[in-house]
């Protein structure tokens, strides 16, 4: 969708989502740049074309951003620049059987529950070129009575974000066989 080296992403800490969206609009004179990951209060990821991204970061620093970190990624994911990739995914998904969810699933693209296969397919495609609404998604789950979150995979980045969003949430991590056994034992005690 975007040639390597012509776009990127950066995490900005210390500004509100509204401030960063305004900064992106201001920097858009240099090209496409958008807020694309609403991670938690005070942490938003922006993505776009290199020149516009650099301009937005300079403006964010002037506006008082506590920290700006370029992400080691190959493209401006979740931005409108990725729409051609979303179209390719849509074409590819036409031959994939997707079933209705058996358990409730919240799509990060709209922070809402997907209830059937069509909604799952639509969310998968839209997520490629639309923002990740992580904070809203976690709040949606918490509002539905979810108080325990399990992060699966290496690292604890998402766990840290959940703790910032829902201070009272229990957050567990599965990153290897040992932690899987520990979490299964804990879940077994609860369930």
N, C-alpha and C. Protein backbone atom coordinates (compact mmCIF):
# COMPACT_ATOMS: atom_id res chain seq x y z
N UNK A 1 0.82 -1.20 0.00
CA UNK A 1 0.00 0.00 0.00
C UNK A 1 0.86 1.25 0.00
N UNK A 2 1.94 1.22 0.79
CA UNK A 2 2.85 2.37 0.87
C UNK A 2 4.26 1.83 0.69
N UNK A 3 5.04 2.38 -0.23
CA UNK A 3 6.41 1.90 -0.40
C UNK A 3 7.22 2.05 0.89
N UNK A 4 8.08 1.07 1.16
CA UNK A 4 8.92 1.11 2.35
C UNK A 4 9.72 2.40 2.38
N UNK A 5 9.77 3.02 3.55
CA UNK A 5 10.54 4.25 3.71
C UNK A 5 9.76 5.52 3.41
N UNK A 6 8.53 5.38 2.94
CA UNK A 6 7.73 6.57 2.62
C UNK A 6 6.65 6.85 3.65
N UNK A 7 6.69 6.15 4.74
CA UNK A 7 5.73 6.38 5.80
C UNK A 7 6.19 5.70 7.06
N UNK A 8 5.56 6.05 8.17
CA UNK A 8 5.94 5.45 9.44
C UNK A 8 4.92 5.75 10.51
N UNK A 9 5.32 5.42 11.74
CA UNK A 9 4.45 5.61 12.90
C UNK A 9 5.29 6.10 14.07
N UNK A 10 4.65 6.83 14.97
CA UNK A 10 5.34 7.31 16.18
C UNK A 10 4.35 7.38 17.33
N UNK A 11 4.80 6.97 18.51
CA UNK A 11 4.00 7.10 19.72
C UNK A 11 4.28 8.46 20.34
N UNK A 12 3.22 9.13 20.75
CA UNK A 12 3.35 10.44 21.39
C UNK A 12 2.73 10.35 22.77
N UNK A 13 3.51 10.70 23.79
CA UNK A 13 3.05 10.66 25.16
C UNK A 13 2.94 12.08 25.73
N UNK A 14 1.89 12.29 26.49
CA UNK A 14 1.76 13.55 27.20
C UNK A 14 0.82 14.57 26.58
N UNK A 15 0.17 14.22 25.49
CA UNK A 15 -0.83 15.11 24.89
C UNK A 15 -2.15 14.35 24.79
N UNK A 16 -3.23 15.07 24.77
CA UNK A 16 -4.54 14.43 24.62
C UNK A 16 -4.77 14.01 23.17
N UNK A 17 -5.72 13.14 22.98
CA UNK A 17 -6.08 12.72 21.63
C UNK A 17 -6.54 13.92 20.81
N UNK A 18 -7.32 14.79 21.41
CA UNK A 18 -7.82 15.97 20.69
C UNK A 18 -6.66 16.88 20.27
N UNK A 19 -5.68 17.05 21.15
CA UNK A 19 -4.51 17.88 20.80
C UNK A 19 -3.76 17.28 19.62
N UNK A 20 -3.56 15.96 19.65
CA UNK A 20 -2.82 15.31 18.56
C UNK A 20 -3.60 15.31 17.26
N UNK A 21 -4.89 15.17 17.32
CA UNK A 21 -5.69 15.24 16.09
C UNK A 21 -5.57 16.64 15.47
N UNK A 22 -5.57 17.67 16.30
CA UNK A 22 -5.41 19.04 15.79
C UNK A 22 -4.02 19.23 15.20
N UNK A 23 -3.01 18.67 15.84
CA UNK A 23 -1.63 18.75 15.33
C UNK A 23 -1.53 18.04 13.98
N UNK A 24 -2.15 16.89 13.86
CA UNK A 24 -2.12 16.16 12.58
C UNK A 24 -2.80 16.96 11.47
N UNK A 25 -3.90 17.61 11.79
CA UNK A 25 -4.56 18.45 10.78
C UNK A 25 -3.63 19.58 10.35
N UNK A 26 -2.93 20.18 11.32
CA UNK A 26 -2.00 21.27 11.00
C UNK A 26 -0.84 20.76 10.16
N UNK A 27 -0.31 19.60 10.48
CA UNK A 27 0.85 19.04 9.77
C UNK A 27 0.47 18.46 8.41
N UNK A 28 -0.81 18.30 8.14
CA UNK A 28 -1.23 17.66 6.90
C UNK A 28 -0.90 18.48 5.66
N UNK A 29 -0.46 19.71 5.83
CA UNK A 29 0.02 20.50 4.69
C UNK A 29 1.24 19.83 4.06
N UNK A 30 1.97 19.04 4.87
CA UNK A 30 3.16 18.35 4.38
C UNK A 30 2.85 16.95 3.86
N UNK A 31 1.60 16.51 3.97
CA UNK A 31 1.22 15.17 3.52
C UNK A 31 0.25 14.54 4.49
N UNK A 32 -0.04 13.27 4.28
CA UNK A 32 -0.99 12.56 5.14
C UNK A 32 -0.34 12.22 6.47
N UNK A 33 -1.00 12.60 7.57
CA UNK A 33 -0.61 12.18 8.92
C UNK A 33 -1.88 12.16 9.77
N UNK A 34 -2.05 11.07 10.52
CA UNK A 34 -3.29 10.85 11.26
C UNK A 34 -3.01 10.20 12.61
N UNK A 35 -3.90 10.44 13.56
CA UNK A 35 -3.88 9.70 14.82
C UNK A 35 -4.49 8.33 14.54
N UNK A 36 -3.75 7.26 14.86
CA UNK A 36 -4.18 5.93 14.43
C UNK A 36 -4.31 4.89 15.54
N UNK A 37 -3.73 5.14 16.69
CA UNK A 37 -3.86 4.22 17.83
C UNK A 37 -4.15 5.06 19.06
N UNK A 38 -5.36 4.93 19.58
CA UNK A 38 -5.73 5.62 20.81
C UNK A 38 -5.52 4.61 21.94
N UNK A 39 -4.27 4.57 22.44
CA UNK A 39 -3.85 3.50 23.35
C UNK A 39 -4.39 3.63 24.76
N UNK A 40 -4.21 4.79 25.37
CA UNK A 40 -4.64 5.04 26.74
C UNK A 40 -4.57 6.54 26.97
N UNK A 41 -5.09 7.02 28.08
CA UNK A 41 -5.00 8.47 28.31
C UNK A 41 -3.55 8.95 28.21
N UNK A 42 -3.32 9.94 27.36
CA UNK A 42 -1.99 10.51 27.23
C UNK A 42 -1.04 9.76 26.32
N UNK A 43 -1.51 8.71 25.62
CA UNK A 43 -0.65 7.99 24.68
C UNK A 43 -1.42 7.69 23.40
N UNK A 44 -0.99 8.34 22.33
CA UNK A 44 -1.61 8.17 21.02
C UNK A 44 -0.51 7.93 20.00
N UNK A 45 -0.75 7.02 19.08
CA UNK A 45 0.20 6.77 17.99
C UNK A 45 -0.31 7.50 16.75
N UNK A 46 0.62 8.16 16.06
CA UNK A 46 0.28 8.82 14.80
C UNK A 46 1.02 8.11 13.67
N UNK A 47 0.47 8.20 12.47
CA UNK A 47 1.08 7.54 11.32
C UNK A 47 0.84 8.38 10.08
N UNK A 48 1.74 8.23 9.12
CA UNK A 48 1.55 8.94 7.86
C UNK A 48 2.80 8.96 7.01
N UNK A 49 2.75 9.84 6.02
CA UNK A 49 3.89 10.02 5.13
C UNK A 49 5.03 10.66 5.93
N UNK A 50 6.24 10.32 5.59
CA UNK A 50 7.41 10.69 6.38
C UNK A 50 7.49 12.18 6.68
N UNK A 51 7.37 13.04 5.69
CA UNK A 51 7.51 14.49 5.91
C UNK A 51 6.42 15.01 6.85
N UNK A 52 5.20 14.57 6.65
CA UNK A 52 4.09 15.02 7.49
C UNK A 52 4.23 14.48 8.91
N UNK A 53 4.70 13.25 9.03
CA UNK A 53 4.92 12.65 10.34
C UNK A 53 5.97 13.44 11.12
N UNK A 54 7.08 13.77 10.45
CA UNK A 54 8.13 14.56 11.11
C UNK A 54 7.61 15.93 11.52
N UNK A 55 6.81 16.55 10.68
CA UNK A 55 6.22 17.86 11.01
C UNK A 55 5.30 17.74 12.22
N UNK A 56 4.49 16.70 12.26
CA UNK A 56 3.58 16.50 13.39
C UNK A 56 4.36 16.27 14.68
N UNK A 57 5.46 15.53 14.61
CA UNK A 57 6.27 15.29 15.81
C UNK A 57 6.90 16.59 16.30
N UNK A 58 7.37 17.42 15.39
CA UNK A 58 7.94 18.72 15.78
C UNK A 58 6.87 19.57 16.46
N UNK A 59 5.67 19.59 15.91
CA UNK A 59 4.57 20.36 16.50
C UNK A 59 4.16 19.78 17.85
N UNK A 60 4.18 18.47 17.98
CA UNK A 60 3.83 17.83 19.25
C UNK A 60 4.83 18.21 20.34
N UNK A 61 6.11 18.22 19.99
CA UNK A 61 7.13 18.61 20.97
C UNK A 61 6.94 20.06 21.40
N UNK A 62 6.64 20.94 20.44
CA UNK A 62 6.37 22.35 20.76
C UNK A 62 5.15 22.49 21.66
N UNK A 63 4.17 21.61 21.47
CA UNK A 63 2.93 21.67 22.25
C UNK A 63 3.08 21.07 23.64
N UNK A 64 4.27 20.51 23.93
CA UNK A 64 4.52 19.98 25.27
C UNK A 64 4.47 18.48 25.41
N UNK A 65 4.55 17.75 24.31
CA UNK A 65 4.58 16.29 24.42
C UNK A 65 5.75 15.87 25.31
N UNK A 66 5.47 14.97 26.22
CA UNK A 66 6.49 14.49 27.15
C UNK A 66 7.54 13.63 26.44
N UNK A 67 7.06 12.88 25.42
CA UNK A 67 7.97 11.97 24.72
C UNK A 67 7.38 11.62 23.37
N UNK A 68 8.24 11.52 22.36
CA UNK A 68 7.85 11.08 21.01
C UNK A 68 8.81 9.99 20.59
N UNK A 69 8.28 8.84 20.20
CA UNK A 69 9.12 7.69 19.86
C UNK A 69 8.72 7.14 18.50
N UNK A 70 9.65 7.14 17.56
CA UNK A 70 9.40 6.50 16.27
C UNK A 70 9.29 4.99 16.49
N UNK A 71 8.33 4.36 15.84
CA UNK A 71 8.14 2.92 15.97
C UNK A 71 8.87 2.21 14.84
N UNK A 72 9.43 1.06 15.16
CA UNK A 72 10.18 0.27 14.17
C UNK A 72 9.19 -0.56 13.36
N UNK A 73 8.48 0.10 12.45
CA UNK A 73 7.50 -0.57 11.60
C UNK A 73 7.78 -0.23 10.14
N UNK A 74 7.22 -1.02 9.25
CA UNK A 74 7.51 -0.85 7.82
C UNK A 74 6.51 0.01 7.08
N UNK A 75 5.43 0.41 7.74
CA UNK A 75 4.38 1.17 7.04
C UNK A 75 3.55 1.96 8.05
N UNK A 76 2.75 2.91 7.57
CA UNK A 76 1.86 3.69 8.43
C UNK A 76 0.54 2.95 8.67
N UNK A 77 0.63 1.87 9.44
CA UNK A 77 -0.52 1.01 9.67
C UNK A 77 -1.69 1.77 10.29
N UNK A 78 -2.89 1.32 9.98
CA UNK A 78 -4.16 1.86 10.49
C UNK A 78 -4.45 3.27 10.00
N UNK A 79 -3.70 3.75 9.02
CA UNK A 79 -3.98 5.06 8.42
C UNK A 79 -4.68 4.87 7.08
N UNK A 80 -5.24 5.95 6.57
CA UNK A 80 -5.94 5.87 5.28
C UNK A 80 -4.98 5.50 4.15
N UNK A 81 -3.68 5.66 4.37
CA UNK A 81 -2.70 5.26 3.36
C UNK A 81 -2.73 3.74 3.13
N UNK A 82 -3.30 3.01 4.06
CA UNK A 82 -3.35 1.55 3.96
C UNK A 82 -4.63 1.04 3.29
N UNK A 83 -5.46 1.94 2.78
CA UNK A 83 -6.72 1.51 2.16
C UNK A 83 -6.51 0.51 1.01
N UNK A 84 -5.49 0.68 0.15
CA UNK A 84 -5.27 -0.34 -0.88
C UNK A 84 -5.02 -1.74 -0.29
N UNK A 85 -4.35 -1.81 0.85
CA UNK A 85 -4.13 -3.10 1.51
C UNK A 85 -5.45 -3.65 2.03
N UNK A 86 -6.31 -2.77 2.53
CA UNK A 86 -7.63 -3.20 2.99
C UNK A 86 -8.45 -3.77 1.86
N UNK A 87 -8.34 -3.16 0.69
CA UNK A 87 -9.07 -3.66 -0.48
C UNK A 87 -8.56 -5.04 -0.89
N UNK A 88 -7.24 -5.25 -0.81
CA UNK A 88 -6.67 -6.57 -1.12
C UNK A 88 -7.14 -7.60 -0.10
N UNK A 89 -7.17 -7.20 1.17
CA UNK A 89 -7.65 -8.11 2.20
C UNK A 89 -9.12 -8.47 1.94
N UNK A 90 -9.92 -7.49 1.59
CA UNK A 90 -11.34 -7.74 1.30
C UNK A 90 -11.48 -8.77 0.19
N UNK A 91 -10.68 -8.63 -0.85
CA UNK A 91 -10.74 -9.59 -1.96
C UNK A 91 -10.32 -10.97 -1.49
N UNK A 92 -9.28 -11.04 -0.67
CA UNK A 92 -8.81 -12.32 -0.16
C UNK A 92 -9.80 -12.99 0.77
N UNK A 93 -10.53 -12.19 1.54
CA UNK A 93 -11.48 -12.75 2.50
C UNK A 93 -12.74 -13.31 1.86
N UNK A 94 -12.95 -13.02 0.57
CA UNK A 94 -14.15 -13.55 -0.08
C UNK A 94 -14.15 -15.07 -0.13
N UNK A 95 -12.98 -15.68 -0.12
CA UNK A 95 -12.89 -17.14 -0.18
C UNK A 95 -12.64 -17.77 1.19
N UNK A 96 -12.70 -16.97 2.25
CA UNK A 96 -12.45 -17.48 3.60
C UNK A 96 -13.78 -17.64 4.33
N UNK A 97 -13.98 -18.81 4.91
CA UNK A 97 -15.18 -19.05 5.71
C UNK A 97 -14.97 -18.44 7.09
N UNK A 98 -15.80 -17.49 7.44
CA UNK A 98 -15.77 -16.87 8.77
C UNK A 98 -17.08 -17.20 9.44
N UNK A 99 -16.99 -17.73 10.65
CA UNK A 99 -18.20 -18.11 11.40
C UNK A 99 -18.61 -17.00 12.35
N UNK A 100 -19.85 -17.07 12.80
CA UNK A 100 -20.30 -16.15 13.83
C UNK A 100 -19.48 -16.39 15.09
N UNK A 101 -19.15 -15.34 15.84
CA UNK A 101 -18.39 -15.53 17.08
C UNK A 101 -19.17 -16.39 18.08
N UNK A 102 -18.46 -17.27 18.76
CA UNK A 102 -19.06 -18.12 19.78
C UNK A 102 -19.03 -17.40 21.13
N UNK A 103 -17.99 -16.59 21.33
CA UNK A 103 -17.88 -15.77 22.54
C UNK A 103 -17.89 -14.31 22.12
N UNK A 104 -18.25 -13.41 23.02
CA UNK A 104 -18.26 -11.99 22.65
C UNK A 104 -16.86 -11.49 22.25
N UNK A 105 -16.79 -10.76 21.16
CA UNK A 105 -15.53 -10.19 20.66
C UNK A 105 -15.76 -8.71 20.39
N UNK A 106 -14.85 -7.87 20.89
CA UNK A 106 -14.93 -6.43 20.63
C UNK A 106 -13.94 -6.10 19.52
N UNK A 107 -14.42 -5.45 18.48
CA UNK A 107 -13.55 -5.00 17.38
C UNK A 107 -12.92 -3.67 17.77
N UNK A 108 -11.60 -3.58 17.64
CA UNK A 108 -10.89 -2.35 18.00
C UNK A 108 -11.19 -1.20 17.06
N UNK A 109 -11.72 -1.48 15.90
CA UNK A 109 -11.99 -0.41 14.92
C UNK A 109 -13.16 0.47 15.35
N UNK A 110 -14.10 -0.10 16.11
CA UNK A 110 -15.25 0.69 16.55
C UNK A 110 -15.60 0.51 18.02
N UNK A 111 -14.80 -0.27 18.73
CA UNK A 111 -15.00 -0.52 20.16
C UNK A 111 -16.40 -1.07 20.44
N UNK A 112 -16.86 -1.93 19.55
CA UNK A 112 -18.19 -2.52 19.71
C UNK A 112 -18.09 -4.03 19.50
N UNK A 113 -19.08 -4.73 20.03
CA UNK A 113 -19.12 -6.17 19.86
C UNK A 113 -19.49 -6.52 18.42
N UNK A 114 -18.78 -7.49 17.86
CA UNK A 114 -19.15 -8.05 16.57
C UNK A 114 -19.99 -9.28 16.87
N UNK A 115 -21.13 -9.39 16.21
CA UNK A 115 -22.11 -10.41 16.57
C UNK A 115 -22.28 -11.51 15.53
N UNK A 116 -21.79 -11.25 14.32
CA UNK A 116 -21.97 -12.26 13.27
C UNK A 116 -20.78 -12.20 12.30
N UNK A 117 -20.75 -13.17 11.40
CA UNK A 117 -19.63 -13.30 10.46
C UNK A 117 -19.46 -12.07 9.59
N UNK A 118 -20.56 -11.47 9.15
CA UNK A 118 -20.46 -10.27 8.31
C UNK A 118 -19.80 -9.12 9.06
N UNK A 119 -20.15 -8.95 10.35
CA UNK A 119 -19.53 -7.89 11.15
C UNK A 119 -18.05 -8.17 11.38
N UNK A 120 -17.69 -9.44 11.57
CA UNK A 120 -16.28 -9.81 11.73
C UNK A 120 -15.50 -9.46 10.47
N UNK A 121 -16.01 -9.87 9.33
CA UNK A 121 -15.35 -9.60 8.04
C UNK A 121 -15.18 -8.09 7.83
N UNK A 122 -16.23 -7.33 8.06
CA UNK A 122 -16.19 -5.88 7.89
C UNK A 122 -15.15 -5.25 8.82
N UNK A 123 -15.13 -5.68 10.08
CA UNK A 123 -14.17 -5.13 11.04
C UNK A 123 -12.73 -5.46 10.65
N UNK A 124 -12.48 -6.68 10.18
CA UNK A 124 -11.13 -7.06 9.76
C UNK A 124 -10.62 -6.15 8.64
N UNK A 125 -11.48 -5.88 7.69
CA UNK A 125 -11.09 -5.03 6.55
C UNK A 125 -10.89 -3.59 7.00
N UNK A 126 -11.84 -3.06 7.75
CA UNK A 126 -11.75 -1.66 8.18
C UNK A 126 -10.56 -1.41 9.10
N UNK A 127 -10.18 -2.42 9.88
CA UNK A 127 -9.08 -2.23 10.83
C UNK A 127 -7.75 -1.95 10.13
N UNK A 128 -7.61 -2.37 8.91
CA UNK A 128 -6.36 -2.15 8.18
C UNK A 128 -6.09 -0.66 7.98
N UNK A 129 -7.14 0.13 7.73
CA UNK A 129 -6.93 1.54 7.38
C UNK A 129 -7.72 2.52 8.25
N UNK A 130 -8.13 2.06 9.42
CA UNK A 130 -8.81 2.93 10.39
C UNK A 130 -8.12 2.81 11.75
N UNK A 131 -8.30 3.81 12.61
CA UNK A 131 -7.62 3.81 13.91
C UNK A 131 -8.00 2.65 14.81
N UNK A 132 -7.06 2.26 15.65
CA UNK A 132 -7.27 1.29 16.72
C UNK A 132 -7.79 2.06 17.93
N UNK A 133 -8.96 1.72 18.37
CA UNK A 133 -9.58 2.39 19.52
C UNK A 133 -9.43 1.50 20.76
N UNK A 134 -8.16 1.31 21.14
CA UNK A 134 -7.84 0.40 22.24
C UNK A 134 -8.47 0.86 23.55
N UNK A 135 -8.28 2.12 23.90
CA UNK A 135 -8.83 2.62 25.16
C UNK A 135 -10.35 2.43 25.20
N UNK A 136 -11.04 2.80 24.15
CA UNK A 136 -12.50 2.63 24.09
C UNK A 136 -12.88 1.15 24.15
N UNK A 137 -12.08 0.30 23.51
CA UNK A 137 -12.38 -1.14 23.51
C UNK A 137 -12.28 -1.72 24.91
N UNK A 138 -11.25 -1.34 25.64
CA UNK A 138 -11.08 -1.83 27.01
C UNK A 138 -12.21 -1.30 27.90
N UNK A 139 -12.56 -0.03 27.74
CA UNK A 139 -13.66 0.54 28.52
C UNK A 139 -14.99 -0.15 28.19
N UNK A 140 -15.17 -0.53 26.93
CA UNK A 140 -16.38 -1.24 26.52
C UNK A 140 -16.45 -2.59 27.22
N UNK A 141 -15.32 -3.31 27.25
CA UNK A 141 -15.28 -4.60 27.93
C UNK A 141 -15.53 -4.43 29.43
N UNK A 142 -14.89 -3.43 30.03
CA UNK A 142 -15.07 -3.18 31.46
C UNK A 142 -16.54 -2.85 31.75
N UNK A 143 -17.15 -2.07 30.87
CA UNK A 143 -18.56 -1.72 31.03
C UNK A 143 -19.48 -2.92 30.91
N UNK A 144 -19.01 -3.96 30.24
CA UNK A 144 -19.78 -5.20 30.09
C UNK A 144 -19.51 -6.18 31.24
N UNK A 145 -18.72 -5.72 32.23
CA UNK A 145 -18.47 -6.55 33.40
C UNK A 145 -17.17 -7.32 33.38
N UNK A 146 -16.34 -7.12 32.39
CA UNK A 146 -15.05 -7.81 32.33
C UNK A 146 -14.07 -7.11 33.26
N UNK A 147 -13.47 -7.85 34.18
CA UNK A 147 -12.52 -7.27 35.12
C UNK A 147 -11.15 -7.90 35.06
N UNK A 148 -11.02 -8.99 34.30
CA UNK A 148 -9.73 -9.68 34.15
C UNK A 148 -9.38 -9.72 32.68
N UNK A 149 -8.15 -9.33 32.38
CA UNK A 149 -7.65 -9.30 31.00
C UNK A 149 -6.41 -10.17 30.93
N UNK A 150 -6.28 -10.94 29.84
CA UNK A 150 -5.12 -11.80 29.64
C UNK A 150 -4.42 -11.38 28.36
N UNK A 151 -3.16 -10.95 28.49
CA UNK A 151 -2.35 -10.61 27.32
C UNK A 151 -1.59 -11.86 26.91
N UNK A 152 -1.70 -12.22 25.63
CA UNK A 152 -1.03 -13.41 25.11
C UNK A 152 0.02 -12.96 24.11
N UNK A 153 1.27 -13.37 24.34
CA UNK A 153 2.37 -13.01 23.47
C UNK A 153 3.50 -12.39 24.26
N UNK A 154 4.63 -12.18 23.60
CA UNK A 154 5.80 -11.64 24.31
C UNK A 154 5.57 -10.19 24.75
N UNK A 155 6.11 -9.86 25.89
CA UNK A 155 6.04 -8.49 26.38
C UNK A 155 4.78 -8.22 27.18
N UNK A 156 4.71 -7.00 27.71
CA UNK A 156 3.59 -6.62 28.57
C UNK A 156 3.06 -5.23 28.22
N UNK A 157 3.23 -4.82 26.98
CA UNK A 157 2.80 -3.48 26.57
C UNK A 157 1.30 -3.31 26.75
N UNK A 158 0.53 -4.25 26.24
CA UNK A 158 -0.93 -4.13 26.33
C UNK A 158 -1.40 -4.20 27.78
N UNK A 159 -0.73 -5.01 28.59
CA UNK A 159 -1.08 -5.09 30.01
C UNK A 159 -0.90 -3.74 30.68
N UNK A 160 0.19 -3.06 30.36
CA UNK A 160 0.43 -1.73 30.92
C UNK A 160 -0.64 -0.74 30.50
N UNK A 161 -1.06 -0.82 29.24
CA UNK A 161 -2.12 0.07 28.76
C UNK A 161 -3.43 -0.21 29.48
N UNK A 162 -3.77 -1.48 29.66
CA UNK A 162 -5.01 -1.84 30.35
C UNK A 162 -4.99 -1.29 31.77
N UNK A 163 -3.86 -1.41 32.46
CA UNK A 163 -3.76 -0.90 33.84
C UNK A 163 -3.94 0.61 33.90
N UNK A 164 -3.52 1.32 32.86
CA UNK A 164 -3.71 2.78 32.82
C UNK A 164 -5.16 3.15 32.53
N UNK A 165 -5.85 2.29 31.80
CA UNK A 165 -7.24 2.56 31.42
C UNK A 165 -8.20 2.16 32.54
N UNK A 166 -8.00 0.98 33.12
CA UNK A 166 -8.86 0.43 34.17
C UNK A 166 -8.00 0.10 35.38
N UNK A 167 -7.87 1.04 36.25
CA UNK A 167 -6.94 0.89 37.39
C UNK A 167 -7.21 -0.36 38.24
N UNK A 168 -8.45 -0.78 38.36
CA UNK A 168 -8.76 -1.92 39.21
C UNK A 168 -8.75 -3.26 38.50
N UNK A 169 -8.43 -3.27 37.23
CA UNK A 169 -8.48 -4.52 36.46
C UNK A 169 -7.36 -5.47 36.87
N UNK A 170 -7.66 -6.76 36.81
CA UNK A 170 -6.63 -7.77 36.98
C UNK A 170 -6.08 -8.08 35.60
N UNK A 171 -4.75 -8.04 35.46
CA UNK A 171 -4.12 -8.27 34.17
C UNK A 171 -3.14 -9.43 34.30
N UNK A 172 -3.30 -10.42 33.46
CA UNK A 172 -2.44 -11.60 33.46
C UNK A 172 -1.71 -11.67 32.12
N UNK A 173 -0.56 -12.34 32.13
CA UNK A 173 0.25 -12.46 30.91
C UNK A 173 0.56 -13.91 30.61
N UNK A 174 0.47 -14.26 29.32
CA UNK A 174 0.91 -15.56 28.84
C UNK A 174 1.94 -15.29 27.76
N UNK A 175 3.20 -15.65 28.05
CA UNK A 175 4.25 -15.44 27.06
C UNK A 175 5.12 -16.67 26.84
N UNK A 176 4.87 -17.72 27.62
CA UNK A 176 5.61 -18.97 27.45
C UNK A 176 4.81 -20.09 28.11
N UNK A 177 5.35 -21.31 28.07
CA UNK A 177 4.64 -22.47 28.63
C UNK A 177 4.38 -22.32 30.13
N UNK A 178 5.38 -21.81 30.84
CA UNK A 178 5.24 -21.67 32.30
C UNK A 178 4.14 -20.68 32.66
N UNK A 179 4.14 -19.52 32.01
CA UNK A 179 3.10 -18.52 32.33
C UNK A 179 1.72 -19.01 31.88
N UNK A 180 1.67 -19.81 30.82
CA UNK A 180 0.39 -20.39 30.40
C UNK A 180 -0.17 -21.29 31.50
N UNK A 181 0.69 -22.14 32.06
CA UNK A 181 0.26 -23.03 33.15
C UNK A 181 -0.24 -22.22 34.35
N UNK A 182 0.48 -21.15 34.68
CA UNK A 182 0.09 -20.30 35.82
C UNK A 182 -1.27 -19.65 35.58
N UNK A 183 -1.46 -19.10 34.39
CA UNK A 183 -2.73 -18.44 34.08
C UNK A 183 -3.87 -19.45 34.04
N UNK A 184 -3.64 -20.61 33.45
CA UNK A 184 -4.69 -21.64 33.42
C UNK A 184 -5.07 -22.07 34.83
N UNK A 185 -4.09 -22.17 35.72
CA UNK A 185 -4.38 -22.52 37.11
C UNK A 185 -5.22 -21.43 37.77
N UNK A 186 -4.87 -20.17 37.54
CA UNK A 186 -5.64 -19.05 38.11
C UNK A 186 -7.05 -19.00 37.54
N UNK A 187 -7.17 -19.17 36.25
CA UNK A 187 -8.48 -19.12 35.61
C UNK A 187 -9.33 -20.30 36.07
N UNK A 188 -8.69 -21.45 36.25
CA UNK A 188 -9.40 -22.63 36.74
C UNK A 188 -9.97 -22.41 38.13
N UNK A 189 -9.24 -21.66 38.98
CA UNK A 189 -9.71 -21.35 40.32
C UNK A 189 -10.93 -20.45 40.27
N UNK A 190 -10.95 -19.52 39.31
CA UNK A 190 -12.05 -18.57 39.19
C UNK A 190 -13.26 -19.23 38.55
N UNK A 191 -13.01 -19.99 37.45
CA UNK A 191 -14.09 -20.54 36.63
C UNK A 191 -14.75 -21.70 37.25
